[in-house]
Protein backbone atom coordinates (compact mmCIF):
# COMPACT_ATOMS: atom_id res chain seq x y z
CA MET A 1 -0.07 -0.20 0.11
CA ASN A 2 2.75 2.32 0.98
CA ASN A 3 4.60 1.79 -2.80
CA TYR A 4 1.21 2.37 -4.05
CA ALA A 5 0.30 5.52 -2.54
CA ILE A 6 3.36 7.22 -3.71
CA SER A 7 3.07 5.64 -7.08
CA THR A 8 -0.28 7.48 -7.27
CA ALA A 9 0.86 10.35 -6.05
CA ASN A 10 3.81 10.35 -9.08
CA THR A 11 0.94 9.48 -11.25
CA PHE A 12 -1.07 12.89 -10.56
CA ILE A 13 2.23 14.82 -10.85
CA THR A 14 2.71 13.42 -14.50
CA HIS A 15 -0.94 13.59 -15.74
CA ALA A 16 -0.94 17.30 -14.06
CA ARG A 17 1.95 18.44 -15.59
CA LYS A 18 0.35 17.02 -19.21
CA ILE A 19 -2.14 19.80 -18.75
CA GLY A 20 0.27 22.74 -17.72
CA VAL A 21 -0.78 22.08 -14.05
CA THR A 22 1.84 22.36 -11.60
CA ALA A 23 1.68 19.94 -8.62
CA PRO A 24 1.61 22.31 -5.41
CA GLU A 25 5.79 22.59 -3.47
CA SER A 26 4.18 21.08 -0.54
CA ILE A 27 3.32 17.58 -2.66
CA THR A 28 6.44 17.78 -4.64
CA ALA A 29 8.88 18.46 -1.70
CA LEU A 30 7.52 15.44 0.15
CA LEU A 31 8.24 13.23 -2.95
CA LYS A 32 12.30 14.07 -3.07
CA PRO A 33 14.26 11.12 -1.96
CA ASP A 34 15.62 13.44 1.00
CA ALA A 35 12.12 13.85 2.15
CA HIS A 36 11.46 10.04 2.96
CA PRO A 37 12.01 9.42 6.81
CA ARG A 38 14.40 6.46 6.18
CA ALA A 39 16.66 9.35 4.47
CA GLN A 40 16.41 11.47 7.07
CA LEU A 41 17.21 9.01 9.54
CA HIS A 42 20.29 8.43 8.06
CA ALA A 43 21.17 11.88 7.91
CA TRP A 44 20.72 12.39 11.41
CA THR A 45 22.26 10.14 12.53
CA GLU A 46 25.39 9.20 10.04
CA GLY A 47 28.61 9.56 11.82
CA ILE A 48 27.63 8.34 15.29
CA PRO A 49 29.92 5.72 16.09
CA SER A 50 27.97 2.19 17.73
CA VAL A 51 27.93 1.40 20.84
CA PRO A 52 30.97 -0.67 20.98
CA GLU A 53 33.34 1.81 19.20
CA ALA A 54 31.69 4.90 21.66
CA MET A 55 32.56 2.81 24.69
CA HIS A 56 35.89 2.11 24.01
CA ALA A 57 36.89 5.45 22.98
CA ALA A 58 35.72 6.78 26.17
CA LEU A 59 37.74 4.35 27.93
CA ASN A 60 41.03 5.01 26.36
CA ALA A 61 40.48 9.01 26.71
CA GLY A 62 40.05 7.57 30.65
CA LYS A 63 36.44 8.74 30.86
CA ASN A 64 33.08 7.08 32.38
CA PRO A 65 31.27 5.38 29.54
CA VAL A 66 28.52 5.47 31.80
CA THR A 67 28.25 9.19 32.02
CA ASP A 68 30.35 9.84 28.41
CA LYS A 69 28.07 12.16 26.14
CA ASP A 70 29.59 10.06 22.97
CA VAL A 71 28.55 7.09 24.37
CA GLN A 72 24.97 7.83 25.61
CA ARG A 73 24.35 9.76 21.95
CA ALA A 74 25.56 6.03 20.46
CA VAL A 75 23.22 3.90 22.95
CA THR A 76 20.26 6.54 21.96
CA ALA A 77 21.49 5.92 18.18
CA GLN A 78 21.27 2.16 18.33
CA ALA A 79 17.82 2.65 20.17
CA VAL A 80 16.62 4.56 17.28
CA ARG A 81 17.96 2.28 14.62
CA ALA A 82 16.41 -0.36 15.67
CA ASN A 83 12.81 0.61 16.98
CA THR A 84 12.10 2.37 13.14
CA GLY A 85 8.69 0.69 12.86
CA ASP A 86 7.50 1.01 9.48
CA LEU A 87 8.84 4.36 8.07
CA GLY A 88 6.94 3.82 4.32
CA ALA A 89 3.87 4.27 6.20
CA VAL A 90 5.32 7.27 8.04
CA HIS A 91 6.22 8.43 4.66
CA ALA A 92 3.13 7.16 2.43
CA GLY A 93 0.68 9.15 5.74
CA ARG A 94 2.74 12.69 5.32
CA VAL A 95 2.04 12.22 1.44
CA ALA A 96 -1.45 11.67 1.86
CA ALA A 97 -2.07 14.43 4.51
CA ALA A 98 -0.06 17.12 2.16
CA PHE A 99 -2.72 16.14 -0.86
CA ARG A 100 -5.56 16.31 1.33
CA GLU A 101 -4.14 19.69 3.02
CA ALA A 102 -3.76 21.16 -0.69
CA TRP A 103 -6.53 20.20 -2.44
CA ASP A 104 -7.95 23.15 -2.83
CA GLU A 105 -4.88 24.57 -4.25
CA ILE A 106 -5.20 21.75 -6.93
CA ILE A 107 -8.79 21.98 -7.61
CA ASP A 108 -8.01 25.57 -8.35
CA ALA A 109 -4.97 25.09 -10.77
CA VAL A 110 -6.95 22.35 -12.44
CA THR A 111 -10.71 24.22 -12.61
CA ALA A 112 -8.16 27.24 -14.53
CA VAL A 113 -6.65 25.12 -17.10
CA PHE A 114 -10.26 22.89 -17.52
CA ASP A 115 -12.80 25.76 -17.76
CA PRO A 116 -11.27 27.61 -20.70
CA ALA A 117 -10.91 24.19 -22.37
CA ALA A 118 -14.36 22.95 -21.89
CA GLU A 119 -15.46 26.19 -23.00
CA ALA A 120 -13.39 26.14 -25.98
CA PHE A 121 -14.49 22.79 -26.75
CA THR A 122 -18.34 22.61 -26.49
CA ARG A 123 -18.08 26.23 -28.60
CA ALA A 124 -16.63 23.84 -31.19
CA HIS A 125 -18.86 21.40 -30.46
CA ALA A 126 -22.13 23.30 -31.24
CA LEU A 127 -20.18 25.48 -34.48
CA LEU A 128 -19.83 21.90 -36.20
CA LYS A 129 -23.37 21.00 -35.75
CA GLU A 130 -24.52 24.34 -36.99
CA LYS A 131 -22.63 24.19 -39.53
CA GLY A 132 -23.58 19.94 -40.14
CA VAL A 133 -20.23 18.84 -40.15
CA SER A 134 -19.02 15.82 -38.19
CA HIS A 135 -15.72 16.50 -36.15
CA ASP A 136 -13.97 13.84 -37.64
CA ASN A 137 -14.29 14.90 -41.20
CA PRO A 138 -11.01 17.20 -41.29
CA ASP A 139 -11.13 17.34 -44.87
CA GLN A 140 -14.53 19.14 -44.84
CA ILE A 141 -13.92 21.41 -41.96
CA ARG A 142 -11.04 22.75 -43.50
CA ARG A 143 -12.83 23.16 -46.61
CA ILE A 144 -14.91 25.00 -44.48
CA GLY A 145 -12.22 27.10 -42.72
CA GLY A 146 -12.94 30.62 -40.94
CA ASP A 147 -14.11 30.45 -37.50
CA THR A 148 -15.16 26.46 -37.81
CA LEU A 149 -11.66 25.60 -38.60
CA ALA A 150 -10.46 27.64 -35.67
CA ALA A 151 -12.85 26.46 -33.51
CA TRP A 152 -12.29 23.00 -34.17
CA GLY A 153 -8.67 23.66 -33.86
CA GLN A 154 -8.59 24.49 -30.34
CA ALA A 155 -10.95 21.81 -30.02
CA LEU A 156 -8.61 19.37 -30.20
CA THR A 157 -6.07 20.82 -28.23
CA ALA A 158 -8.88 21.48 -25.33
CA GLU A 159 -10.17 17.49 -26.04
CA GLU A 160 -6.65 16.27 -24.80
CA ILE A 161 -7.27 18.25 -21.57
CA ILE A 162 -10.88 17.42 -20.83
CA LYS A 163 -9.96 13.59 -21.40
CA VAL A 164 -6.82 13.53 -19.19
CA THR A 165 -8.39 15.64 -16.46
CA PRO A 166 -10.42 12.39 -14.76
CA THR A 167 -6.71 11.16 -14.20
CA VAL A 168 -5.67 14.40 -12.58
CA LEU A 169 -8.26 14.32 -10.06
CA THR A 170 -8.80 11.00 -9.69
CA ASN A 171 -5.28 10.11 -8.86
CA ALA A 172 -4.95 13.51 -6.41
CA HIS A 173 -8.13 12.20 -4.67
CA ILE A 174 -6.68 8.79 -3.89
CA ALA A 175 -3.31 10.10 -2.97
CA GLY A 176 -4.75 11.79 -0.15
CA HIS A 177 -7.32 8.98 0.54
CA PRO A 178 -5.61 5.77 -0.37
CA THR A 179 -8.59 3.45 0.81
CA GLN A 180 -11.04 5.10 -2.15
CA TYR A 181 -10.31 4.00 -5.37
CA GLY A 182 -13.10 5.66 -6.60
CA GLN A 183 -13.20 4.39 -10.12
CA GLY A 184 -16.66 4.15 -10.85
CA ARG A 185 -17.05 8.29 -10.37
CA ARG A 186 -13.90 8.75 -12.28
CA ALA A 187 -15.67 10.48 -15.48
CA TYR A 188 -17.82 12.04 -13.75
CA TRP A 189 -15.19 14.63 -12.31
CA THR A 190 -15.64 16.37 -15.78
CA ILE A 191 -19.20 15.61 -16.83
CA THR A 192 -22.76 16.68 -15.41
CA PRO A 193 -25.07 14.25 -17.50
CA ASN A 194 -28.41 14.66 -18.79
CA LEU A 195 -30.88 12.58 -17.75
CA ASP A 196 -33.08 13.29 -20.06
CA THR A 197 -31.14 11.01 -21.97
CA TRP A 198 -29.12 8.74 -19.79
CA ALA A 199 -31.83 7.39 -17.64
CA GLU A 200 -33.36 6.11 -20.84
CA GLU A 201 -30.31 5.59 -23.14
CA GLY A 202 -27.41 5.02 -20.76
CA ALA A 203 -24.40 7.20 -20.73
CA PRO A 204 -22.39 7.64 -23.66
CA ASP A 205 -19.12 6.73 -24.39
CA MET A 206 -17.49 8.92 -21.32
CA LYS A 207 -13.95 8.99 -22.61
CA ASN A 208 -15.27 10.75 -25.66
CA PRO A 209 -16.02 14.67 -25.32
CA TRP A 210 -17.84 14.74 -28.13
CA THR A 211 -20.45 11.89 -27.65
CA VAL A 212 -20.75 13.18 -24.31
CA LEU A 213 -21.72 16.92 -25.70
CA ASP A 214 -24.07 14.85 -28.04
CA SER A 215 -26.08 13.63 -25.37
CA GLY A 216 -26.90 16.87 -24.19
CA ALA A 217 -24.60 16.89 -21.32
CA THR A 218 -22.29 19.25 -19.74
CA LEU A 219 -18.66 19.54 -19.38
CA SER A 220 -18.16 20.55 -16.00
CA LEU A 221 -15.61 20.24 -12.96
CA ALA A 222 -17.00 18.66 -9.85
CA ARG A 223 -14.58 20.50 -7.10
CA SER A 224 -14.90 17.57 -4.59
CA SER A 225 -15.10 13.66 -4.90
CA ARG A 226 -18.55 13.85 -2.98
CA GLU A 227 -19.80 16.26 -5.85
CA ALA A 228 -18.83 12.99 -8.49
CA GLU A 229 -20.32 10.59 -6.57
CA ASP A 230 -23.50 12.96 -6.16
CA ARG A 231 -23.39 12.89 -10.21
CA VAL A 232 -23.36 9.07 -10.37
CA ARG A 233 -26.01 8.72 -8.08
CA LEU A 234 -28.00 11.21 -9.61
CA VAL A 235 -28.24 8.96 -12.91
CA SER A 236 -28.83 5.62 -10.77
CA ARG A 237 -31.55 7.26 -9.08
CA GLU A 238 -32.92 8.82 -12.14
CA ARG A 239 -33.11 5.19 -13.87
CA GLN A 240 -34.65 3.40 -10.10
CA ILE A 241 -37.22 6.56 -9.98
CA ALA A 242 -38.55 5.70 -13.79
CA ALA A 243 -38.28 2.07 -12.81
CA ASN A 244 -40.43 2.04 -10.05
CA ALA A 245 -42.93 4.55 -11.84
CA ARG A 246 -43.20 1.98 -14.44
CA ALA A 247 -43.77 -0.18 -12.19
CA ASN A 248 -46.27 0.93 -9.55
CA SER A 249 -48.51 1.92 -13.25
CA SER A 250 -48.28 -1.64 -14.27
CA SER A 251 -49.47 -3.12 -10.78
CA ARG A 252 -52.42 -0.80 -10.78
CA GLY A 253 -53.17 -2.14 -13.99
CA GLY A 254 -52.06 1.11 -15.57
CA PHE A 255 -49.68 -0.74 -18.62
CA GLY A 256 -51.23 -3.21 -20.82
CA ALA A 257 -49.47 -5.20 -23.81
CA GLY A 258 -47.83 -2.65 -25.75
CA ASP A 259 -49.46 0.02 -24.11
CA THR A 260 -47.20 3.17 -24.30
CA THR A 261 -49.46 5.69 -21.80
CA PRO A 262 -47.27 8.11 -20.77
CA ILE A 263 -47.32 8.16 -16.93
CA THR A 264 -45.77 10.86 -15.39
CA TYR A 265 -43.10 11.03 -12.23
CA VAL A 266 -40.79 13.60 -10.39
CA GLY A 267 -36.91 12.68 -11.53
CA ALA A 268 -34.26 12.34 -9.16
CA ASP A 269 -33.32 16.23 -10.32
CA GLY A 270 -36.87 17.47 -9.65
CA VAL A 271 -37.41 17.63 -13.45
CA THR A 272 -40.81 16.37 -14.16
CA ARG A 273 -40.58 13.46 -16.80
CA GLN A 274 -42.64 10.61 -18.57
CA THR A 275 -42.43 7.08 -19.01
CA ASP A 276 -43.84 4.06 -20.40
CA SER A 277 -44.07 0.41 -20.36
CA LEU A 278 -41.52 0.76 -23.03
CA GLY A 279 -39.17 2.42 -21.10
CA ALA A 280 -39.38 5.71 -22.86
CA ILE A 281 -38.52 8.94 -21.28
CA ARG A 282 -39.12 12.31 -21.99
CA ARG A 283 -38.96 15.52 -20.46
CA VAL A 284 -42.44 17.68 -19.40
CA PRO A 285 -41.73 21.20 -21.01
CA GLY A 286 -42.69 24.03 -18.17
CA ARG A 287 -43.10 21.25 -15.81
CA ASP A 288 -39.55 21.50 -13.66
CA TYR A 289 -39.48 21.54 -9.94
CA ILE A 290 -37.21 23.97 -8.01
CA VAL A 291 -35.29 21.30 -5.85
CA SER A 292 -31.08 20.27 -5.04
CA ASN A 293 -29.79 18.06 -7.65
CA ARG A 294 -27.84 16.42 -4.47
CA VAL A 295 -28.18 13.04 -3.86
CA ASP A 296 -28.01 11.53 -0.21
CA MET A 297 -24.99 8.98 -0.09
CA ALA A 298 -26.40 6.97 2.19
CA THR A 299 -29.73 6.37 0.94
CA GLY A 300 -29.36 7.47 -2.93
CA GLU A 301 -32.69 10.16 -1.97
CA SER A 302 -32.80 13.24 -3.61
CA LEU A 303 -31.80 15.90 -0.78
């Protein structure tokens, strides 16, 4: 676990550098070789003789080895060396604490890079959609030229930042909380789902920001693991609410064979939607409820 914690911290630094984010000095300083407790202990005990060497030197100098300061120092150093405990765990604990203390600094630095990238990418996505051209048709985009070509070029740069950011934040979070892996929320660090489409059709390819925006979702940074988890649970809760609405209607005889009569329910985000026996989900215009979109972590209930 100790080696994994340090490896995770180094992975964070490597990927942060890829998107132009500099890791806090409080973290990088701890990862230098001379900051490890073993190196510190070696530096502080280096040059102190062994107990026999110190005792012999005292006797040869006509000193009482029981009260000689050099002998006492040697005895202390020997006891320290023999009782170091798990210094790797001490080091990992220091690093984890540094990540927790520097979290706001980390998230602010990532936000400063991510937000402009998300804005540029979203703008390019909308422009290409307006022009009726696919992002993976560079020849056509070059023929159109102008603002479209410029926006597409900016989007390609932004895309790398958008794709790497979840890895940066996942590793930063795990480095500060080594027992929490959080793979399930990785992509949700940067995506606010669109429940109108995700609950029925399932999430798009979340590694592809083009398809994410095609689904009506938005690119936005979660400032904490809790916020990213809330997004995960919101999707799950929406699907469960829709399923319960269908089940309740069926138990009351509301659905017959092949019946696609819609039933109305209030979704996990407070938005009124309709579903039917086939699982189709549609938003009901003008029927949005003003509620929090946060979800209780323990119960999955909307807060």
